[in-house]
Amino acid sequence: MPSDINLVVIEGRLTGEPTHKVTNGSTALTTFRIANNRWIPGRDGKEGREDTSFISVSCWGAVADRAAQRLQKGTKVVLKGRWQVRQWEDTESGTNREGHELVAEDVEVTTNGRSAQGAPEE
């Protein structure tokens, strides 16, 4: 059976230093969080406000290795990947928990309105 589309493209800045490790299966994993800002206009011409979403991100394999080498707190990135929802039971409380994250398959560092590869940002 074919898969449904699960594609996320988002831009933001790292809120802290990325964490890089190698799993027991020898696969690289890098995790970090980004802040994504959007402007909400005010009503009736009044001043608007900025709204910020904080998003957990994970990268695997070669993408994880490159991300760990190139990213640091404050780096502006464009991420392409898939949205993942994980569910588990909290062993201490017995309650069901849920976590959301972006699994990035492509990470582009952007600077001054241009990607690191020289393509203009949209």
N, C-alpha and C. Protein backbone atom coordinates (compact mmCIF):
# COMPACT_ATOMS: atom_id res chain seq x y z
N MET A 1 0.84 -1.17 0.00
CA MET A 1 0.00 0.00 0.00
C MET A 1 0.89 1.24 0.00
N PRO A 2 0.61 2.22 -0.86
CA PRO A 2 1.44 3.43 -0.91
C PRO A 2 1.26 4.29 0.35
N SER A 3 2.30 5.05 0.65
CA SER A 3 2.26 5.94 1.80
C SER A 3 1.54 7.24 1.47
N ASP A 4 0.94 7.85 2.47
CA ASP A 4 0.38 9.19 2.31
C ASP A 4 1.53 10.20 2.34
N ILE A 5 1.26 11.40 1.89
CA ILE A 5 2.28 12.45 1.88
C ILE A 5 2.47 12.99 3.29
N ASN A 6 3.70 13.06 3.72
CA ASN A 6 4.07 13.65 5.00
C ASN A 6 5.33 14.46 4.74
N LEU A 7 5.16 15.72 4.37
CA LEU A 7 6.27 16.60 3.99
C LEU A 7 6.16 17.91 4.74
N VAL A 8 7.23 18.27 5.42
CA VAL A 8 7.29 19.52 6.18
C VAL A 8 8.49 20.32 5.68
N VAL A 9 8.27 21.61 5.44
CA VAL A 9 9.36 22.54 5.13
C VAL A 9 9.17 23.71 6.09
N ILE A 10 10.19 24.01 6.87
CA ILE A 10 10.07 25.06 7.87
C ILE A 10 11.42 25.76 8.07
N GLU A 11 11.35 27.02 8.43
CA GLU A 11 12.55 27.82 8.67
C GLU A 11 12.54 28.27 10.12
N GLY A 12 13.70 28.35 10.71
CA GLY A 12 13.80 28.84 12.08
C GLY A 12 15.25 28.95 12.51
N ARG A 13 15.43 29.30 13.78
CA ARG A 13 16.77 29.43 14.35
C ARG A 13 16.92 28.45 15.50
N LEU A 14 18.11 27.85 15.61
CA LEU A 14 18.37 26.93 16.71
C LEU A 14 18.31 27.66 18.04
N THR A 15 17.62 27.04 19.01
CA THR A 15 17.48 27.67 20.32
C THR A 15 18.61 27.28 21.28
N GLY A 16 19.41 26.31 20.89
CA GLY A 16 20.53 25.86 21.72
C GLY A 16 21.49 25.05 20.87
N GLU A 17 22.53 24.56 21.50
CA GLU A 17 23.51 23.75 20.79
C GLU A 17 22.91 22.39 20.44
N PRO A 18 23.19 21.86 19.25
CA PRO A 18 22.69 20.53 18.91
C PRO A 18 23.38 19.45 19.75
N THR A 19 22.68 18.34 19.94
CA THR A 19 23.22 17.18 20.64
C THR A 19 23.47 16.08 19.62
N HIS A 20 24.70 15.57 19.60
CA HIS A 20 25.08 14.54 18.63
C HIS A 20 25.52 13.30 19.37
N LYS A 21 25.01 12.15 18.94
CA LYS A 21 25.46 10.88 19.53
C LYS A 21 25.36 9.79 18.48
N VAL A 22 25.93 8.65 18.81
CA VAL A 22 25.87 7.48 17.95
C VAL A 22 25.10 6.41 18.72
N THR A 23 24.07 5.85 18.11
CA THR A 23 23.24 4.84 18.76
C THR A 23 24.00 3.52 18.89
N ASN A 24 23.43 2.60 19.65
CA ASN A 24 24.05 1.27 19.80
C ASN A 24 24.21 0.57 18.47
N GLY A 25 23.33 0.90 17.51
CA GLY A 25 23.42 0.31 16.18
C GLY A 25 24.38 1.06 15.27
N SER A 26 25.20 1.95 15.82
CA SER A 26 26.21 2.72 15.09
C SER A 26 25.61 3.73 14.10
N THR A 27 24.41 4.23 14.39
CA THR A 27 23.78 5.24 13.55
C THR A 27 23.89 6.60 14.23
N ALA A 28 24.33 7.61 13.49
CA ALA A 28 24.46 8.95 14.05
C ALA A 28 23.08 9.58 14.24
N LEU A 29 22.91 10.29 15.35
CA LEU A 29 21.67 11.00 15.67
C LEU A 29 22.02 12.38 16.20
N THR A 30 21.46 13.41 15.58
CA THR A 30 21.62 14.78 16.08
C THR A 30 20.23 15.33 16.35
N THR A 31 20.06 15.93 17.53
CA THR A 31 18.78 16.53 17.90
C THR A 31 19.01 17.99 18.28
N PHE A 32 17.98 18.80 18.04
CA PHE A 32 18.02 20.21 18.41
C PHE A 32 16.60 20.76 18.36
N ARG A 33 16.43 21.99 18.80
CA ARG A 33 15.13 22.67 18.73
C ARG A 33 15.30 23.95 17.93
N ILE A 34 14.25 24.31 17.20
CA ILE A 34 14.27 25.59 16.51
C ILE A 34 13.09 26.44 16.99
N ALA A 35 13.25 27.73 16.85
CA ALA A 35 12.17 28.68 17.08
C ALA A 35 11.72 29.18 15.71
N ASN A 36 10.43 29.07 15.44
CA ASN A 36 9.84 29.53 14.18
C ASN A 36 8.89 30.66 14.52
N ASN A 37 9.16 31.84 13.96
CA ASN A 37 8.37 33.04 14.26
C ASN A 37 7.40 33.37 13.13
N ARG A 38 6.23 33.85 13.51
CA ARG A 38 5.29 34.36 12.53
C ARG A 38 4.65 35.63 13.09
N TRP A 39 4.28 36.51 12.18
CA TRP A 39 3.69 37.78 12.56
C TRP A 39 2.18 37.67 12.49
N ILE A 40 1.51 38.09 13.55
CA ILE A 40 0.04 38.11 13.60
C ILE A 40 -0.38 39.57 13.57
N PRO A 41 -1.01 40.03 12.47
CA PRO A 41 -1.43 41.43 12.38
C PRO A 41 -2.48 41.75 13.44
N GLY A 42 -2.45 42.98 13.91
CA GLY A 42 -3.47 43.42 14.85
C GLY A 42 -4.78 43.71 14.14
N ARG A 43 -5.85 43.75 14.89
CA ARG A 43 -7.16 44.05 14.30
C ARG A 43 -7.36 45.55 14.21
N ASP A 44 -8.09 45.96 13.22
CA ASP A 44 -8.46 47.37 13.05
C ASP A 44 -7.25 48.29 13.01
N GLY A 45 -6.17 47.85 12.38
CA GLY A 45 -4.99 48.68 12.21
C GLY A 45 -4.13 48.81 13.45
N LYS A 46 -4.47 48.10 14.52
CA LYS A 46 -3.65 48.15 15.74
C LYS A 46 -2.40 47.32 15.53
N GLU A 47 -1.41 47.61 16.35
CA GLU A 47 -0.13 46.91 16.22
C GLU A 47 -0.32 45.42 16.42
N GLY A 48 0.41 44.63 15.62
CA GLY A 48 0.33 43.18 15.71
C GLY A 48 1.31 42.64 16.73
N ARG A 49 1.48 41.34 16.69
CA ARG A 49 2.41 40.70 17.62
C ARG A 49 3.07 39.51 16.94
N GLU A 50 4.19 39.11 17.48
CA GLU A 50 4.91 37.97 16.96
C GLU A 50 4.54 36.73 17.78
N ASP A 51 4.35 35.61 17.11
CA ASP A 51 4.05 34.34 17.76
C ASP A 51 5.19 33.38 17.44
N THR A 52 5.69 32.68 18.44
CA THR A 52 6.82 31.78 18.24
C THR A 52 6.42 30.35 18.59
N SER A 53 6.76 29.43 17.69
CA SER A 53 6.58 28.01 17.94
C SER A 53 7.95 27.38 18.13
N PHE A 54 8.07 26.49 19.10
CA PHE A 54 9.33 25.79 19.35
C PHE A 54 9.16 24.35 18.89
N ILE A 55 10.07 23.89 18.02
CA ILE A 55 9.91 22.60 17.35
C ILE A 55 11.14 21.73 17.60
N SER A 56 10.90 20.51 18.05
CA SER A 56 11.97 19.53 18.24
C SER A 56 12.30 18.91 16.90
N VAL A 57 13.61 18.72 16.65
CA VAL A 57 14.09 18.20 15.37
C VAL A 57 15.07 17.07 15.64
N SER A 58 15.00 16.02 14.82
CA SER A 58 16.01 14.97 14.86
C SER A 58 16.49 14.70 13.44
N CYS A 59 17.77 14.36 13.32
CA CYS A 59 18.39 14.01 12.03
C CYS A 59 19.15 12.70 12.25
N TRP A 60 19.17 11.89 11.22
CA TRP A 60 19.84 10.58 11.31
C TRP A 60 20.91 10.43 10.24
N GLY A 61 21.88 9.57 10.51
CA GLY A 61 22.89 9.20 9.52
C GLY A 61 23.79 10.36 9.09
N ALA A 62 24.02 10.44 7.78
CA ALA A 62 24.91 11.46 7.24
C ALA A 62 24.36 12.87 7.48
N VAL A 63 23.04 13.02 7.43
CA VAL A 63 22.43 14.34 7.71
C VAL A 63 22.76 14.75 9.15
N ALA A 64 22.72 13.80 10.07
CA ALA A 64 23.04 14.08 11.47
C ALA A 64 24.49 14.52 11.64
N ASP A 65 25.40 13.83 10.94
CA ASP A 65 26.82 14.19 11.02
C ASP A 65 27.06 15.61 10.50
N ARG A 66 26.47 15.93 9.35
CA ARG A 66 26.64 17.29 8.78
C ARG A 66 26.03 18.34 9.69
N ALA A 67 24.85 18.06 10.23
CA ALA A 67 24.19 19.02 11.11
C ALA A 67 25.03 19.29 12.35
N ALA A 68 25.60 18.25 12.92
CA ALA A 68 26.43 18.40 14.13
C ALA A 68 27.66 19.25 13.85
N GLN A 69 28.21 19.14 12.65
CA GLN A 69 29.41 19.90 12.29
C GLN A 69 29.11 21.37 11.98
N ARG A 70 27.94 21.65 11.41
CA ARG A 70 27.67 22.99 10.87
C ARG A 70 26.76 23.85 11.74
N LEU A 71 25.99 23.26 12.65
CA LEU A 71 24.98 24.02 13.38
C LEU A 71 25.44 24.41 14.77
N GLN A 72 24.95 25.54 15.21
CA GLN A 72 25.18 26.00 16.57
C GLN A 72 24.00 26.88 16.97
N LYS A 73 23.92 27.21 18.24
CA LYS A 73 22.84 28.05 18.73
C LYS A 73 22.75 29.32 17.89
N GLY A 74 21.53 29.66 17.46
CA GLY A 74 21.31 30.87 16.68
C GLY A 74 21.38 30.68 15.18
N THR A 75 21.88 29.53 14.70
CA THR A 75 21.97 29.29 13.26
C THR A 75 20.57 29.28 12.66
N LYS A 76 20.41 30.00 11.54
CA LYS A 76 19.13 30.00 10.83
C LYS A 76 19.17 28.88 9.80
N VAL A 77 18.12 28.03 9.82
CA VAL A 77 18.07 26.86 8.96
C VAL A 77 16.72 26.74 8.25
N VAL A 78 16.75 26.10 7.10
CA VAL A 78 15.54 25.63 6.43
C VAL A 78 15.60 24.12 6.48
N LEU A 79 14.55 23.53 7.03
CA LEU A 79 14.49 22.09 7.22
C LEU A 79 13.42 21.49 6.32
N LYS A 80 13.75 20.35 5.74
CA LYS A 80 12.77 19.59 4.96
C LYS A 80 12.76 18.19 5.54
N GLY A 81 11.57 17.66 5.78
CA GLY A 81 11.49 16.33 6.35
C GLY A 81 10.06 15.90 6.56
N ARG A 82 9.87 15.07 7.58
CA ARG A 82 8.54 14.54 7.85
C ARG A 82 8.19 14.76 9.32
N TRP A 83 6.89 14.89 9.58
CA TRP A 83 6.40 15.08 10.94
C TRP A 83 6.19 13.71 11.57
N GLN A 84 6.64 13.54 12.79
CA GLN A 84 6.51 12.26 13.47
C GLN A 84 5.85 12.46 14.83
N VAL A 85 4.90 11.60 15.14
CA VAL A 85 4.24 11.60 16.45
C VAL A 85 4.57 10.27 17.11
N ARG A 86 5.11 10.34 18.31
CA ARG A 86 5.44 9.13 19.06
C ARG A 86 4.54 9.05 20.29
N GLN A 87 4.10 7.87 20.63
CA GLN A 87 3.27 7.66 21.81
C GLN A 87 3.89 6.59 22.68
N TRP A 88 3.82 6.79 24.01
CA TRP A 88 4.37 5.84 24.95
C TRP A 88 3.65 5.98 26.29
N GLU A 89 3.86 4.99 27.13
CA GLU A 89 3.29 5.05 28.48
C GLU A 89 4.40 5.46 29.44
N ASP A 90 4.14 6.49 30.23
CA ASP A 90 5.08 6.96 31.24
C ASP A 90 5.20 5.88 32.32
N THR A 91 6.40 5.36 32.53
CA THR A 91 6.58 4.25 33.47
C THR A 91 6.34 4.66 34.92
N GLU A 92 6.57 5.93 35.25
CA GLU A 92 6.38 6.38 36.63
C GLU A 92 4.90 6.61 36.96
N SER A 93 4.19 7.32 36.06
CA SER A 93 2.80 7.68 36.35
C SER A 93 1.79 6.74 35.70
N GLY A 94 2.23 5.98 34.70
CA GLY A 94 1.31 5.10 33.99
C GLY A 94 0.41 5.82 32.99
N THR A 95 0.63 7.11 32.79
CA THR A 95 -0.19 7.87 31.84
C THR A 95 0.38 7.76 30.44
N ASN A 96 -0.49 7.88 29.47
CA ASN A 96 -0.06 7.87 28.07
C ASN A 96 0.51 9.23 27.72
N ARG A 97 1.63 9.23 27.04
CA ARG A 97 2.31 10.47 26.65
C ARG A 97 2.42 10.51 25.14
N GLU A 98 2.66 11.72 24.62
CA GLU A 98 2.79 11.90 23.18
C GLU A 98 3.86 12.95 22.91
N GLY A 99 4.71 12.70 21.93
CA GLY A 99 5.75 13.64 21.54
C GLY A 99 5.69 13.89 20.04
N HIS A 100 5.95 15.12 19.65
CA HIS A 100 5.92 15.51 18.24
C HIS A 100 7.30 16.03 17.86
N GLU A 101 7.76 15.68 16.66
CA GLU A 101 9.05 16.19 16.20
C GLU A 101 9.12 16.16 14.68
N LEU A 102 10.01 16.97 14.18
CA LEU A 102 10.32 16.97 12.76
C LEU A 102 11.55 16.08 12.56
N VAL A 103 11.44 15.08 11.71
CA VAL A 103 12.58 14.26 11.35
C VAL A 103 13.14 14.85 10.06
N ALA A 104 14.25 15.59 10.18
CA ALA A 104 14.80 16.33 9.05
C ALA A 104 15.61 15.42 8.14
N GLU A 105 15.29 15.49 6.85
CA GLU A 105 16.02 14.73 5.84
C GLU A 105 16.93 15.64 5.01
N ASP A 106 16.75 16.94 5.17
CA ASP A 106 17.59 17.94 4.50
C ASP A 106 17.68 19.16 5.41
N VAL A 107 18.88 19.63 5.67
CA VAL A 107 19.11 20.79 6.53
C VAL A 107 19.97 21.78 5.76
N GLU A 108 19.42 22.97 5.50
CA GLU A 108 20.17 24.01 4.80
C GLU A 108 20.39 25.18 5.75
N VAL A 109 21.63 25.61 5.88
CA VAL A 109 21.96 26.78 6.68
C VAL A 109 21.73 28.00 5.81
N THR A 110 21.06 29.01 6.35
CA THR A 110 20.83 30.23 5.60
C THR A 110 21.51 31.40 6.29
N THR A 111 21.99 32.35 5.47
CA THR A 111 22.63 33.55 6.01
C THR A 111 22.26 34.73 5.13
N ASN A 112 21.87 35.82 5.74
CA ASN A 112 21.58 37.06 5.01
C ASN A 112 20.65 36.88 3.81
N GLY A 113 19.58 36.11 4.03
CA GLY A 113 18.59 35.95 2.98
C GLY A 113 18.96 35.00 1.87
N ARG A 114 20.07 34.25 2.03
CA ARG A 114 20.46 33.30 0.99
C ARG A 114 20.84 31.98 1.67
N SER A 115 20.58 30.89 0.99
CA SER A 115 20.97 29.60 1.54
C SER A 115 22.50 29.46 1.42
N ALA A 116 23.05 28.52 2.14
CA ALA A 116 24.48 28.30 2.09
C ALA A 116 24.94 27.85 0.71
N GLN A 117 24.01 27.34 -0.10
CA GLN A 117 24.35 26.90 -1.45
C GLN A 117 24.18 28.03 -2.46
N GLY A 118 23.75 29.21 -2.01
CA GLY A 118 23.65 30.36 -2.89
C GLY A 118 22.29 30.58 -3.51
N ALA A 119 21.32 29.73 -3.25
CA ALA A 119 19.98 29.93 -3.80
C ALA A 119 19.24 30.93 -2.95
N PRO A 120 18.48 31.84 -3.57
CA PRO A 120 17.72 32.81 -2.79
C PRO A 120 16.67 32.13 -1.92
N GLU A 121 16.46 32.68 -0.73
CA GLU A 121 15.37 32.20 0.12
C GLU A 121 14.05 32.71 -0.44
N GLU A 122 13.00 31.97 -0.19
CA GLU A 122 11.68 32.41 -0.61
C GLU A 122 11.01 33.14 0.50
